[in-house]
Amino acid sequence: MKKVTRKHNGISFLTAVMFVSFIVVAVLCVTRLYDLRKQQERLNKESQDLDRQKQELEDELLQIRKEANNTDNKVYIENIARTHLDMVYPEEIIFHVAGD
């Protein structure tokens, strides 16, 4: 019986499977990296928006605290009563101009 030898032309099956596996893993990694970058950009923008909102709320709180210090001021109380509560003195008549 004669021994048959085969020529090995090209790459082996195992090498081809490993190469394809490597390509698939590389594509998955790149895709995941892209998704993470997009998520990071979105979170950074959201963080900036929240910082801006925080600053606006702190400014509003400071304004409210300043107004709270005026609760003993009669002029301030009268102004609030007239503008926000539409209060008037007895016998006082208020005219509202149409169109304004």
PDB file of N, CA and C in Angstrom:
ATOM      1  N   MET A   1       0.825  -1.157   0.000  1.00  0.00           N
ATOM      2  CA  MET A   1       0.000   0.000   0.000  1.00  0.00           C
ATOM      3  C   MET A   1       0.880   1.234   0.000  1.00  0.00           C
ATOM      4  N   LYS A   2       0.475   2.143  -0.818  1.00  0.00           N
ATOM      5  CA  LYS A   2       1.259   3.372  -0.998  1.00  0.00           C
ATOM      6  C   LYS A   2       0.632   4.499  -0.174  1.00  0.00           C
ATOM      7  N   LYS A   3       1.450   5.248   0.512  1.00  0.00           N
ATOM      8  CA  LYS A   3       0.978   6.356   1.335  1.00  0.00           C
ATOM      9  C   LYS A   3       0.711   7.564   0.444  1.00  0.00           C
ATOM     10  N   VAL A   4      -0.484   8.147   0.631  1.00  0.00           N
ATOM     11  CA  VAL A   4      -0.869   9.310  -0.174  1.00  0.00           C
ATOM     12  C   VAL A   4      -0.582  10.565   0.639  1.00  0.00           C
ATOM     13  N   THR A   5       0.104  11.456   0.058  1.00  0.00           N
ATOM     14  CA  THR A   5       0.379  12.728   0.724  1.00  0.00           C
ATOM     15  C   THR A   5      -0.395  13.833   0.029  1.00  0.00           C
ATOM     16  N   ARG A   6      -0.891  14.698   0.819  1.00  0.00           N
ATOM     17  CA  ARG A   6      -1.637  15.831   0.270  1.00  0.00           C
ATOM     18  C   ARG A   6      -0.799  17.078   0.359  1.00  0.00           C
ATOM     19  N   LYS A   7      -0.988  17.886  -0.629  1.00  0.00           N
ATOM     20  CA  LYS A   7      -0.336  19.191  -0.603  1.00  0.00           C
ATOM     21  C   LYS A   7      -1.219  20.159   0.178  1.00  0.00           C
ATOM     22  N   HIS A   8      -0.624  20.976   0.952  1.00  0.00           N
ATOM     23  CA  HIS A   8      -1.363  21.997   1.689  1.00  0.00           C
ATOM     24  C   HIS A   8      -1.197  23.325   0.976  1.00  0.00           C
ATOM     25  N   ASN A   9      -2.204  23.640   0.215  1.00  0.00           N
ATOM     26  CA  ASN A   9      -2.202  24.936  -0.465  1.00  0.00           C
ATOM     27  C   ASN A   9      -3.107  25.880   0.312  1.00  0.00           C
ATOM     28  N   GLY A  10      -2.666  27.082   0.551  1.00  0.00           N
ATOM     29  CA  GLY A  10      -3.486  28.069   1.242  1.00  0.00           C
ATOM     30  C   GLY A  10      -3.445  27.891   2.742  1.00  0.00           C
ATOM     31  N   ILE A  11      -4.539  28.348   3.391  1.00  0.00           N
ATOM     32  CA  ILE A  11      -4.592  28.310   4.848  1.00  0.00           C
ATOM     33  C   ILE A  11      -5.455  27.143   5.309  1.00  0.00           C
ATOM     34  N   SER A  12      -5.197  26.716   6.513  1.00  0.00           N
ATOM     35  CA  SER A  12      -5.954  25.581   7.047  1.00  0.00           C
ATOM     36  C   SER A  12      -7.331  26.050   7.520  1.00  0.00           C
ATOM     37  N   PHE A  13      -8.215  25.120   7.719  1.00  0.00           N
ATOM     38  CA  PHE A  13      -9.567  25.411   8.178  1.00  0.00           C
ATOM     39  C   PHE A  13      -9.543  26.089   9.547  1.00  0.00           C
ATOM     40  N   LEU A  14      -8.718  25.602  10.445  1.00  0.00           N
ATOM     41  CA  LEU A  14      -8.622  26.175  11.788  1.00  0.00           C
ATOM     42  C   LEU A  14      -8.146  27.621  11.732  1.00  0.00           C
ATOM     43  N   THR A  15      -7.189  27.902  10.889  1.00  0.00           N
ATOM     44  CA  THR A  15      -6.684  29.268  10.745  1.00  0.00           C
ATOM     45  C   THR A  15      -7.786  30.179  10.202  1.00  0.00           C
ATOM     46  N   ALA A  16      -8.559  29.703   9.249  1.00  0.00           N
ATOM     47  CA  ALA A  16      -9.647  30.498   8.686  1.00  0.00           C
ATOM     48  C   ALA A  16     -10.709  30.781   9.744  1.00  0.00           C
ATOM     49  N   VAL A  17     -11.059  29.793  10.568  1.00  0.00           N
ATOM     50  CA  VAL A  17     -12.050  29.993  11.628  1.00  0.00           C
ATOM     51  C   VAL A  17     -11.546  31.006  12.641  1.00  0.00           C
ATOM     52  N   MET A  18     -10.287  30.893  13.007  1.00  0.00           N
ATOM     53  CA  MET A  18      -9.707  31.843  13.963  1.00  0.00           C
ATOM     54  C   MET A  18      -9.707  33.259  13.384  1.00  0.00           C
ATOM     55  N   PHE A  19      -9.371  33.390  12.121  1.00  0.00           N
ATOM     56  CA  PHE A  19      -9.338  34.707  11.478  1.00  0.00           C
ATOM     57  C   PHE A  19     -10.734  35.330  11.435  1.00  0.00           C
ATOM     58  N   VAL A  20     -11.731  34.549  11.051  1.00  0.00           N
ATOM     59  CA  VAL A  20     -13.114  35.047  11.002  1.00  0.00           C
ATOM     60  C   VAL A  20     -13.591  35.411  12.403  1.00  0.00           C
ATOM     61  N   SER A  21     -13.252  34.596  13.381  1.00  0.00           N
ATOM     62  CA  SER A  21     -13.633  34.893  14.765  1.00  0.00           C
ATOM     63  C   SER A  21     -13.006  36.201  15.232  1.00  0.00           C
ATOM     64  N   PHE A  22     -11.749  36.397  14.893  1.00  0.00           N
ATOM     65  CA  PHE A  22     -11.062  37.632  15.259  1.00  0.00           C
ATOM     66  C   PHE A  22     -11.756  38.842  14.629  1.00  0.00           C
ATOM     67  N   ILE A  23     -12.130  38.737  13.370  1.00  0.00           N
ATOM     68  CA  ILE A  23     -12.802  39.843  12.683  1.00  0.00           C
ATOM     69  C   ILE A  23     -14.147  40.147  13.343  1.00  0.00           C
ATOM     70  N   VAL A  24     -14.909  39.103  13.674  1.00  0.00           N
ATOM     71  CA  VAL A  24     -16.214  39.299  14.319  1.00  0.00           C
ATOM     72  C   VAL A  24     -16.045  39.993  15.669  1.00  0.00           C
ATOM     73  N   VAL A  25     -15.093  39.535  16.467  1.00  0.00           N
ATOM     74  CA  VAL A  25     -14.853  40.143  17.780  1.00  0.00           C
ATOM     75  C   VAL A  25     -14.403  41.588  17.626  1.00  0.00           C
ATOM     76  N   ALA A  26     -13.545  41.860  16.654  1.00  0.00           N
ATOM     77  CA  ALA A  26     -13.070  43.224  16.423  1.00  0.00           C
ATOM     78  C   ALA A  26     -14.227  44.142  16.034  1.00  0.00           C
ATOM     79  N   VAL A  27     -15.110  43.684  15.165  1.00  0.00           N
ATOM     80  CA  VAL A  27     -16.258  44.498  14.753  1.00  0.00           C
ATOM     81  C   VAL A  27     -17.175  44.758  15.946  1.00  0.00           C
ATOM     82  N   LEU A  28     -17.414  43.736  16.768  1.00  0.00           N
ATOM     83  CA  LEU A  28     -18.250  43.921  17.955  1.00  0.00           C
ATOM     84  C   LEU A  28     -17.631  44.931  18.922  1.00  0.00           C
ATOM     85  N   CYS A  29     -16.324  44.863  19.102  1.00  0.00           N
ATOM     86  CA  CYS A  29     -15.640  45.797  20.001  1.00  0.00           C
ATOM     87  C   CYS A  29     -15.729  47.234  19.484  1.00  0.00           C
ATOM     88  N   VAL A  30     -15.519  47.413  18.202  1.00  0.00           N
ATOM     89  CA  VAL A  30     -15.587  48.756  17.614  1.00  0.00           C
ATOM     90  C   VAL A  30     -17.000  49.308  17.727  1.00  0.00           C
ATOM     91  N   THR A  31     -18.000  48.472  17.467  1.00  0.00           N
ATOM     92  CA  THR A  31     -19.391  48.909  17.574  1.00  0.00           C
ATOM     93  C   THR A  31     -19.716  49.322  19.009  1.00  0.00           C
ATOM     94  N   ARG A  32     -19.286  48.526  19.960  1.00  0.00           N
ATOM     95  CA  ARG A  32     -19.533  48.840  21.379  1.00  0.00           C
ATOM     96  C   ARG A  32     -18.825  50.127  21.781  1.00  0.00           C
ATOM     97  N   LEU A  33     -17.606  50.318  21.315  1.00  0.00           N
ATOM     98  CA  LEU A  33     -16.854  51.537  21.610  1.00  0.00           C
ATOM     99  C   LEU A  33     -17.587  52.754  21.058  1.00  0.00           C
ATOM    100  N   TYR A  34     -18.117  52.652  19.865  1.00  0.00           N
ATOM    101  CA  TYR A  34     -18.871  53.753  19.260  1.00  0.00           C
ATOM    102  C   TYR A  34     -20.110  54.074  20.102  1.00  0.00           C
ATOM    103  N   ASP A  35     -20.828  53.036  20.523  1.00  0.00           N
ATOM    104  CA  ASP A  35     -22.016  53.244  21.359  1.00  0.00           C
ATOM    105  C   ASP A  35     -21.652  53.912  22.685  1.00  0.00           C
ATOM    106  N   LEU A  36     -20.543  53.497  23.278  1.00  0.00           N
ATOM    107  CA  LEU A  36     -20.117  54.084  24.544  1.00  0.00           C
ATOM    108  C   LEU A  36     -19.731  55.553  24.376  1.00  0.00           C
ATOM    109  N   ARG A  37     -19.093  55.887  23.264  1.00  0.00           N
ATOM    110  CA  ARG A  37     -18.732  57.295  22.993  1.00  0.00           C
ATOM    111  C   ARG A  37     -19.988  58.152  22.862  1.00  0.00           C
ATOM    112  N   LYS A  38     -20.991  57.647  22.149  1.00  0.00           N
ATOM    113  CA  LYS A  38     -22.246  58.381  21.986  1.00  0.00           C
ATOM    114  C   LYS A  38     -22.933  58.573  23.343  1.00  0.00           C
ATOM    115  N   GLN A  39     -22.933  57.532  24.146  1.00  0.00           N
ATOM    116  CA  GLN A  39     -23.543  57.618  25.468  1.00  0.00           C
ATOM    117  C   GLN A  39     -22.791  58.630  26.338  1.00  0.00           C
ATOM    118  N   GLN A  40     -21.472  58.643  26.234  1.00  0.00           N
ATOM    119  CA  GLN A  40     -20.670  59.599  27.005  1.00  0.00           C
ATOM    120  C   GLN A  40     -20.993  61.029  26.583  1.00  0.00           C
ATOM    121  N   GLU A  41     -21.119  61.284  25.298  1.00  0.00           N
ATOM    122  CA  GLU A  41     -21.478  62.620  24.821  1.00  0.00           C
ATOM    123  C   GLU A  41     -22.854  63.033  25.354  1.00  0.00           C
ATOM    124  N   ARG A  42     -23.818  62.111  25.301  1.00  0.00           N
ATOM    125  CA  ARG A  42     -25.162  62.413  25.785  1.00  0.00           C
ATOM    126  C   ARG A  42     -25.159  62.716  27.280  1.00  0.00           C
ATOM    127  N   LEU A  43     -24.403  61.932  28.044  1.00  0.00           N
ATOM    128  CA  LEU A  43     -24.343  62.145  29.489  1.00  0.00           C
ATOM    129  C   LEU A  43     -23.624  63.446  29.835  1.00  0.00           C
ATOM    130  N   ASN A  44     -22.587  63.806  29.085  1.00  0.00           N
ATOM    131  CA  ASN A  44     -21.901  65.076  29.313  1.00  0.00           C
ATOM    132  C   ASN A  44     -22.839  66.252  29.061  1.00  0.00           C
ATOM    133  N   LYS A  45     -23.618  66.178  27.983  1.00  0.00           N
ATOM    134  CA  LYS A  45     -24.579  67.240  27.679  1.00  0.00           C
ATOM    135  C   LYS A  45     -25.638  67.332  28.774  1.00  0.00           C
ATOM    136  N   GLU A  46     -26.129  66.191  29.217  1.00  0.00           N
ATOM    137  CA  GLU A  46     -27.127  66.164  30.286  1.00  0.00           C
ATOM    138  C   GLU A  46     -26.550  66.740  31.581  1.00  0.00           C
ATOM    139  N   SER A  47     -25.307  66.444  31.857  1.00  0.00           N
ATOM    140  CA  SER A  47     -24.646  66.978  33.048  1.00  0.00           C
ATOM    141  C   SER A  47     -24.542  68.500  32.979  1.00  0.00           C
ATOM    142  N   GLN A  48     -24.190  69.027  31.813  1.00  0.00           N
ATOM    143  CA  GLN A  48     -24.111  70.480  31.639  1.00  0.00           C
ATOM    144  C   GLN A  48     -25.483  71.122  31.821  1.00  0.00           C
ATOM    145  N   ASP A  49     -26.521  70.497  31.281  1.00  0.00           N
ATOM    146  CA  ASP A  49     -27.880  71.021  31.440  1.00  0.00           C
ATOM    147  C   ASP A  49     -28.292  71.029  32.913  1.00  0.00           C
ATOM    148  N   LEU A  50     -27.948  69.970  33.625  1.00  0.00           N
ATOM    149  CA  LEU A  50     -28.289  69.894  35.048  1.00  0.00           C
ATOM    150  C   LEU A  50     -27.520  70.924  35.864  1.00  0.00           C
ATOM    151  N   ASP A  51     -26.257  71.167  35.515  1.00  0.00           N
ATOM    152  CA  ASP A  51     -25.480  72.203  36.198  1.00  0.00           C
ATOM    153  C   ASP A  51     -26.107  73.576  35.978  1.00  0.00           C
ATOM    154  N   ARG A  52     -26.572  73.835  34.748  1.00  0.00           N
ATOM    155  CA  ARG A  52     -27.220  75.106  34.437  1.00  0.00           C
ATOM    156  C   ARG A  52     -28.520  75.253  35.227  1.00  0.00           C
ATOM    157  N   GLN A  53     -29.313  74.185  35.288  1.00  0.00           N
ATOM    158  CA  GLN A  53     -30.558  74.218  36.056  1.00  0.00           C
ATOM    159  C   GLN A  53     -30.292  74.428  37.544  1.00  0.00           C
ATOM    160  N   LYS A  54     -29.243  73.799  38.040  1.00  0.00           N
ATOM    161  CA  LYS A  54     -28.881  73.956  39.448  1.00  0.00           C
ATOM    162  C   LYS A  54     -28.536  75.405  39.745  1.00  0.00           C
ATOM    163  N   GLN A  55     -27.765  76.031  38.852  1.00  0.00           N
ATOM    164  CA  GLN A  55     -27.382  77.430  39.055  1.00  0.00           C
ATOM    165  C   GLN A  55     -28.613  78.340  39.024  1.00  0.00           C
ATOM    166  N   GLU A  56     -29.534  78.070  38.095  1.00  0.00           N
ATOM    167  CA  GLU A  56     -30.763  78.870  38.028  1.00  0.00           C
ATOM    168  C   GLU A  56     -31.585  78.723  39.303  1.00  0.00           C
ATOM    169  N   LEU A  57     -31.683  77.504  39.821  1.00  0.00           N
ATOM    170  CA  LEU A  57     -32.440  77.283  41.057  1.00  0.00           C
ATOM    171  C   LEU A  57     -31.764  77.932  42.261  1.00  0.00           C
ATOM    172  N   GLU A  58     -30.434  77.905  42.297  1.00  0.00           N
ATOM    173  CA  GLU A  58     -29.718  78.565  43.393  1.00  0.00           C
ATOM    174  C   GLU A  58     -29.939  80.075  43.337  1.00  0.00           C
ATOM    175  N   ASP A  59     -29.946  80.647  42.121  1.00  0.00           N
ATOM    176  CA  ASP A  59     -30.218  82.080  41.974  1.00  0.00           C
ATOM    177  C   ASP A  59     -31.638  82.412  42.425  1.00  0.00           C
ATOM    178  N   GLU A  60     -32.584  81.550  42.046  1.00  0.00           N
ATOM    179  CA  GLU A  60     -33.979  81.763  42.445  1.00  0.00           C
ATOM    180  C   GLU A  60     -34.134  81.661  43.964  1.00  0.00           C
ATOM    181  N   LEU A  61     -33.451  80.703  44.572  1.00  0.00           N
ATOM    182  CA  LEU A  61     -33.492  80.552  46.024  1.00  0.00           C
ATOM    183  C   LEU A  61     -32.919  81.784  46.714  1.00  0.00           C
ATOM    184  N   LEU A  62     -31.836  82.321  46.186  1.00  0.00           N
ATOM    185  CA  LEU A  62     -31.244  83.530  46.752  1.00  0.00           C
ATOM    186  C   LEU A  62     -32.223  84.692  46.672  1.00  0.00           C
ATOM    187  N   GLN A  63     -32.915  84.818  45.547  1.00  0.00           N
ATOM    188  CA  GLN A  63     -33.913  85.877  45.385  1.00  0.00           C
ATOM    189  C   GLN A  63     -35.063  85.707  46.380  1.00  0.00           C
ATOM    190  N   ILE A  64     -35.508  84.485  46.567  1.00  0.00           N
ATOM    191  CA  ILE A  64     -36.597  84.219  47.525  1.00  0.00           C
ATOM    192  C   ILE A  64     -36.154  84.547  48.944  1.00  0.00           C
ATOM    193  N   ARG A  65     -34.926  84.207  49.274  1.00  0.00           N
ATOM    194  CA  ARG A  65     -34.426  84.525  50.620  1.00  0.00           C
ATOM    195  C   ARG A  65     -34.328  86.030  50.826  1.00  0.00           C
ATOM    196  N   LYS A  66     -33.945  86.773  49.780  1.00  0.00           N
ATOM    197  CA  LYS A  66     -33.899  88.236  49.884  1.00  0.00           C
ATOM    198  C   LYS A  66     -35.296  88.788  50.112  1.00  0.00           C
ATOM    199  N   GLU A  67     -36.274  88.234  49.376  1.00  0.00           N
ATOM    200  CA  GLU A  67     -37.653  88.688  49.550  1.00  0.00           C
ATOM    201  C   GLU A  67     -38.175  88.320  50.931  1.00  0.00           C
ATOM    202  N   ALA A  68     -37.774  87.197  51.453  1.00  0.00           N
ATOM    203  CA  ALA A  68     -38.230  86.763  52.774  1.00  0.00           C
ATOM    204  C   ALA A  68     -37.744  87.719  53.860  1.00  0.00           C
ATOM    205  N   ASN A  69     -36.617  88.376  53.636  1.00  0.00           N
ATOM    206  CA  ASN A  69     -36.095  89.333  54.612  1.00  0.00           C
ATOM    207  C   ASN A  69     -36.923  90.616  54.628  1.00  0.00           C
ATOM    208  N   ASN A  70     -37.745  90.838  53.605  1.00  0.00           N
ATOM    209  CA  ASN A  70     -38.546  92.052  53.524  1.00  0.00           C
ATOM    210  C   ASN A  70     -39.941  91.891  54.129  1.00  0.00           C
ATOM    211  N   THR A  71     -40.207  90.810  54.818  1.00  0.00           N
ATOM    212  CA  THR A  71     -41.563  90.570  55.331  1.00  0.00           C
ATOM    213  C   THR A  71     -41.975  91.590  56.379  1.00  0.00           C
ATOM    214  N   ASP A  72     -41.061  92.301  56.992  1.00  0.00           N
ATOM    215  CA  ASP A  72     -41.399  93.335  57.980  1.00  0.00           C
ATOM    216  C   ASP A  72     -41.547  94.707  57.317  1.00  0.00           C
ATOM    217  N   ASN A  73     -41.206  94.829  56.051  1.00  0.00           N
ATOM    218  CA  ASN A  73     -41.255  96.101  55.335  1.00  0.00           C
ATOM    219  C   ASN A  73     -42.679  96.328  54.823  1.00  0.00           C
ATOM    220  N   LYS A  74     -43.356  97.403  55.307  1.00  0.00           N
ATOM    221  CA  LYS A  74     -44.745  97.663  54.938  1.00  0.00           C
ATOM    222  C   LYS A  74     -44.899  97.977  53.457  1.00  0.00           C
ATOM    223  N   VAL A  75     -43.942  98.667  52.864  1.00  0.00           N
ATOM    224  CA  VAL A  75     -44.020  98.991  51.435  1.00  0.00           C
ATOM    225  C   VAL A  75     -43.951  97.711  50.603  1.00  0.00           C
ATOM    226  N   TYR A  76     -43.094  96.812  50.998  1.00  0.00           N
ATOM    227  CA  TYR A  76     -42.974  95.538  50.289  1.00  0.00           C
ATOM    228  C   TYR A  76     -44.271  94.733  50.398  1.00  0.00           C
ATOM    229  N   ILE A  77     -44.827  94.660  51.603  1.00  0.00           N
ATOM    230  CA  ILE A  77     -46.065  93.915  51.812  1.00  0.00           C
ATOM    231  C   ILE A  77     -47.204  94.523  51.002  1.00  0.00           C
ATOM    232  N   GLU A  78     -47.298  95.837  50.982  1.00  0.00           N
ATOM    233  CA  GLU A  78     -48.348  96.497  50.201  1.00  0.00           C
ATOM    234  C   GLU A  78     -48.174  96.227  48.710  1.00  0.00           C
ATOM    235  N   ASN A  79     -46.957  96.268  48.252  1.00  0.00           N
ATOM    236  CA  ASN A  79     -46.679  95.992  46.831  1.00  0.00           C
ATOM    237  C   ASN A  79     -47.094  94.572  46.454  1.00  0.00           C
ATOM    238  N   ILE A  80     -46.779  93.614  47.284  1.00  0.00           N
ATOM    239  CA  ILE A  80     -47.161  92.218  47.022  1.00  0.00           C
ATOM    240  C   ILE A  80     -48.681  92.083  47.042  1.00  0.00           C
ATOM    241  N   ALA A  81     -49.332  92.715  48.013  1.00  0.00           N
ATOM    242  CA  ALA A  81     -50.789  92.634  48.110  1.00  0.00           C
ATOM    243  C   ALA A  81     -51.459  93.232  46.882  1.00  0.00           C
ATOM    244  N   ARG A  82     -50.942  94.344  46.381  1.00  0.00           N
ATOM    245  CA  ARG A  82     -51.534  94.988  45.213  1.00  0.00           C
ATOM    246  C   ARG A  82     -51.242  94.218  43.918  1.00  0.00           C
ATOM    247  N   THR A  83     -50.015  93.775  43.723  1.00  0.00           N
ATOM    248  CA  THR A  83     -49.644  93.161  42.441  1.00  0.00           C
ATOM    249  C   THR A  83     -50.060  91.703  42.336  1.00  0.00           C
ATOM    250  N   HIS A  84     -49.886  90.949  43.376  1.00  0.00           N
ATOM    251  CA  HIS A  84     -50.154  89.510  43.294  1.00  0.00           C
ATOM    252  C   HIS A  84     -51.554  89.121  43.763  1.00  0.00           C
ATOM    253  N   LEU A  85     -52.087  89.875  44.698  1.00  0.00           N
ATOM    254  CA  LEU A  85     -53.387  89.502  45.266  1.00  0.00           C
ATOM    255  C   LEU A  85     -54.523  90.426  44.823  1.00  0.00           C
ATOM    256  N   ASP A  86     -54.193  91.451  44.041  1.00  0.00           N
ATOM    257  CA  ASP A  86     -55.184  92.428  43.550  1.00  0.00           C
ATOM    258  C   ASP A  86     -55.988  93.050  44.692  1.00  0.00           C
ATOM    259  N   MET A  87     -55.336  93.364  45.776  1.00  0.00           N
ATOM    260  CA  MET A  87     -56.008  93.983  46.924  1.00  0.00           C
ATOM    261  C   MET A  87     -55.947  95.502  46.789  1.00  0.00           C
ATOM    262  N   VAL A  88     -56.955  96.159  47.348  1.00  0.00           N
ATOM    263  CA  VAL A  88     -57.019  97.626  47.334  1.00  0.00           C
ATOM    264  C   VAL A  88     -57.482  98.098  48.703  1.00  0.00           C
ATOM    265  N   TYR A  89     -57.296  99.399  48.963  1.00  0.00           N
ATOM    266  CA  TYR A  89     -57.808  99.992  50.200  1.00  0.00           C
ATOM    267  C   TYR A  89     -59.316 100.196  50.056  1.00  0.00           C
ATOM    268  N   PRO A  90     -60.023 100.248  51.162  1.00  0.00           N
ATOM    269  CA  PRO A  90     -61.466 100.520  51.075  1.00  0.00           C
ATOM    270  C   PRO A  90     -61.711 101.855  50.360  1.00  0.00           C
ATOM    271  N   GLU A  91     -62.731 101.905  49.559  1.00  0.00           N
ATOM    272  CA  GLU A  91     -63.132 103.087  48.799  1.00  0.00           C
ATOM    273  C   GLU A  91     -62.168 103.420  47.660  1.00  0.00           C
ATOM    274  N   GLU A  92     -61.178 102.600  47.429  1.00  0.00           N
ATOM    275  CA  GLU A  92     -60.239 102.832  46.330  1.00  0.00           C
ATOM    276  C   GLU A  92     -60.792 102.158  45.072  1.00  0.00           C
ATOM    277  N   ILE A  93     -60.681 102.842  43.944  1.00  0.00           N
ATOM    278  CA  ILE A  93     -61.195 102.315  42.688  1.00  0.00           C
ATOM    279  C   ILE A  93     -60.008 102.095  41.739  1.00  0.00           C
ATOM    280  N   ILE A  94     -59.964 100.928  41.135  1.00  0.00           N
ATOM    281  CA  ILE A  94     -58.907 100.583  40.202  1.00  0.00           C
ATOM    282  C   ILE A  94     -59.498 100.534  38.786  1.00  0.00           C
ATOM    283  N   PHE A  95     -58.866 101.207  37.854  1.00  0.00           N
ATOM    284  CA  PHE A  95     -59.300 101.189  36.466  1.00  0.00           C
ATOM    285  C   PHE A  95     -58.307 100.339  35.670  1.00  0.00           C
ATOM    286  N   HIS A  96     -58.817  99.390  34.901  1.00  0.00           N
ATOM    287  CA  HIS A  96     -57.999  98.579  34.011  1.00  0.00           C
ATOM    288  C   HIS A  96     -58.259  99.031  32.588  1.00  0.00           C
ATOM    289  N   VAL A  97     -57.223  99.373  31.862  1.00  0.00           N
ATOM    290  CA  VAL A  97     -57.371  99.818  30.479  1.00  0.00           C
ATOM    291  C   VAL A  97     -57.396  98.615  29.578  1.00  0.00           C
ATOM    292  N   ALA A  98     -58.417  98.544  28.730  1.00  0.00           N
ATOM    293  CA  ALA A  98     -58.534  97.426  27.789  1.00  0.00           C
ATOM    294  C   ALA A  98     -57.429  97.501  26.751  1.00  0.00           C
ATOM    295  N   GLY A  99     -56.905  96.354  26.359  1.00  0.00           N
ATOM    296  CA  GLY A  99     -55.857  96.300  25.340  1.00  0.00           C
ATOM    297  C   GLY A  99     -54.461  96.217  25.914  1.00  0.00           C
ATOM    298  N   ASP A 100     -54.302  96.457  27.198  1.00  0.00           N
ATOM    299  CA  ASP A 100     -52.979  96.343  27.812  1.00  0.00           C
ATOM    300  C   ASP A 100     -52.855  95.020  28.510  1.00  0.00           C
TER     301      ASP A 100
END
